[in-house]
C-alpha atoms as a PDB file:
ATOM      1  CA  MET A   1      11.763  -1.513   3.367  1.00  0.00           C
ATOM      2  CA  SER A   2      12.434  -5.543   2.693  1.00  0.00           C
ATOM      3  CA  MET A   3      10.585  -7.845   4.972  1.00  0.00           C
ATOM      4  CA  GLY A   4      11.120 -10.799   2.513  1.00  0.00           C
ATOM      5  CA  ARG A   5       8.491 -13.166   3.853  1.00  0.00           C
ATOM      6  CA  PHE A   6       5.357 -13.130   1.270  1.00  0.00           C
ATOM      7  CA  TRP A   7       3.922 -16.409   2.222  1.00  0.00           C
ATOM      8  CA  TRP A   8       0.885 -16.639   4.356  1.00  0.00           C
ATOM      9  CA  HIS A   9      -0.702 -20.310   5.995  1.00  0.00           C
ATOM     10  CA  GLY A  10       1.227 -21.949   2.698  1.00  0.00           C
ATOM     11  CA  ARG A  11      -0.179 -18.812   0.273  1.00  0.00           C
ATOM     12  CA  ARG A  12       1.626 -15.610  -0.990  1.00  0.00           C
ATOM     13  CA  GLN A  13       0.750 -12.700   1.478  1.00  0.00           C
ATOM     14  CA  THR A  14      -1.116  -9.694   0.406  1.00  0.00           C
ATOM     15  CA  VAL A  15      -0.431  -6.513   0.550  1.00  0.00           C
ATOM     16  CA  LYS A  16      -2.858  -5.698   3.525  1.00  0.00           C
ATOM     17  CA  GLU A  17      -1.231  -8.549   5.229  1.00  0.00           C
ATOM     18  CA  SER A  18       2.021  -7.452   4.592  1.00  0.00           C
ATOM     19  CA  ILE A  19       1.679  -3.947   5.810  1.00  0.00           C
ATOM     20  CA  GLU A  20       0.159  -5.170   9.288  1.00  0.00           C
ATOM     21  CA  TYR A  21       3.222  -7.969   9.306  1.00  0.00           C
ATOM     22  CA  ALA A  22       5.033  -4.690   9.380  1.00  0.00           C
ATOM     23  CA  GLY A  23       3.340  -3.119  11.815  1.00  0.00           C
ATOM     24  CA  ILE A  24       2.299   0.234   9.540  1.00  0.00           C
ATOM     25  CA  SER A  25      -1.417   0.954  10.851  1.00  0.00           C
ATOM     26  CA  LEU A  26      -4.091   1.725   8.750  1.00  0.00           C
ATOM     27  CA  ALA A  27      -6.160   3.457  10.386  1.00  0.00           C
ATOM     28  CA  ASN A  28      -5.978   6.422   8.639  1.00  0.00           C
ATOM     29  CA  GLY A  29      -6.728   5.133   4.771  1.00  0.00           C
ATOM     30  CA  GLN A  30      -3.544   4.275   2.484  1.00  0.00           C
ATOM     31  CA  ILE A  31      -2.963   5.043  -0.643  1.00  0.00           C
ATOM     32  CA  VAL A  32      -0.914   1.881  -1.975  1.00  0.00           C
ATOM     33  CA  PHE A  33       1.395   0.889  -5.015  1.00  0.00           C
ATOM     34  CA  VAL A  34       3.449  -1.686  -6.367  1.00  0.00           C
ATOM     35  CA  ASN A  35       5.798  -1.079  -8.186  1.00  0.00           C
ATOM     36  CA  ASN A  36       5.331   2.266  -9.003  1.00  0.00           C
ATOM     37  CA  ARG A  37       1.432   1.016 -10.183  1.00  0.00           C
ATOM     38  CA  GLY A  38      -1.478   1.777  -8.064  1.00  0.00           C
ATOM     39  CA  ALA A  39      -2.582  -1.288  -7.050  1.00  0.00           C
ATOM     40  CA  SER A  40      -5.886  -2.185  -4.273  1.00  0.00           C
ATOM     41  CA  PHE A  41      -5.150  -4.136  -0.094  1.00  0.00           C
ATOM     42  CA  ALA A  42      -6.009  -7.665  -1.662  1.00  0.00           C
ATOM     43  CA  THR A  43      -3.071  -7.467  -4.991  1.00  0.00           C
ATOM     44  CA  VAL A  44      -0.913 -10.334  -3.789  1.00  0.00           C
ATOM     45  CA  LEU A  45       2.961 -10.010  -3.470  1.00  0.00           C
ATOM     46  CA  ASN A  46       5.336 -11.793  -5.376  1.00  0.00           C
ATOM     47  CA  TYR A  47       9.338 -11.825  -4.809  1.00  0.00           C
ATOM     48  CA  GLY A  48      10.479  -8.975  -5.535  1.00  0.00           C
ATOM     49  CA  ASP A  49       8.345  -6.306  -5.431  1.00  0.00           C
ATOM     50  CA  ARG A  50       8.373  -2.856  -4.264  1.00  0.00           C
ATOM     51  CA  VAL A  51       5.331  -1.548  -1.931  1.00  0.00           C
ATOM     52  CA  GLY A  52       4.590   2.195  -1.156  1.00  0.00           C
ATOM     53  CA  LEU A  53       2.296   3.460   0.848  1.00  0.00           C
ATOM     54  CA  THR A  54       1.251   7.311   0.701  1.00  0.00           C
ATOM     55  CA  PRO A  55      -1.767   9.070   3.136  1.00  0.00           C
ATOM     56  CA  ALA A  56      -4.905   9.802   1.751  1.00  0.00           C
ATOM     57  CA  VAL A  57      -6.141  12.830   1.144  1.00  0.00           C
ATOM     58  CA  GLY A  58      -9.403  13.988   2.536  1.00  0.00           C
ATOM     59  CA  ALA A  59      -9.217  17.525   0.724  1.00  0.00           C
ATOM     60  CA  GLY A  60      -7.810  16.293  -2.602  1.00  0.00           C
ATOM     61  CA  MET A  61      -6.542  18.634  -5.652  1.00  0.00           C
ATOM     62  CA  ARG A  62      -8.818  22.470  -5.230  1.00  0.00           C
ATOM     63  CA  PHE A  63      -8.089  24.771  -7.961  1.00  0.00           C
ATOM     64  CA  PHE A  64      -8.417  28.443  -7.674  1.00  0.00           C
ATOM     65  CA  GLU A  65      -9.150  31.518  -9.847  1.00  0.00           C
ATOM     66  CA  ASP A  66      -7.396  35.232  -9.689  1.00  0.00           C
ATOM     67  CA  GLY A  67     -10.564  37.764  -8.940  1.00  0.00           C
END
């Protein structure tokens, strides 16, 4: 999604502000990426940044052994 709006009350928007502006729910928790690198909701966006979100997985990785 290209929002093209990264200024909020005279300053650049954070990831969280941009997500809320787009109407995306944060209720389930999200893992955030900016330009394909791990980031936080407090990361300040620059022009041209790409934001990616993925739901947080509760179980995490599980390893199974034979037997």
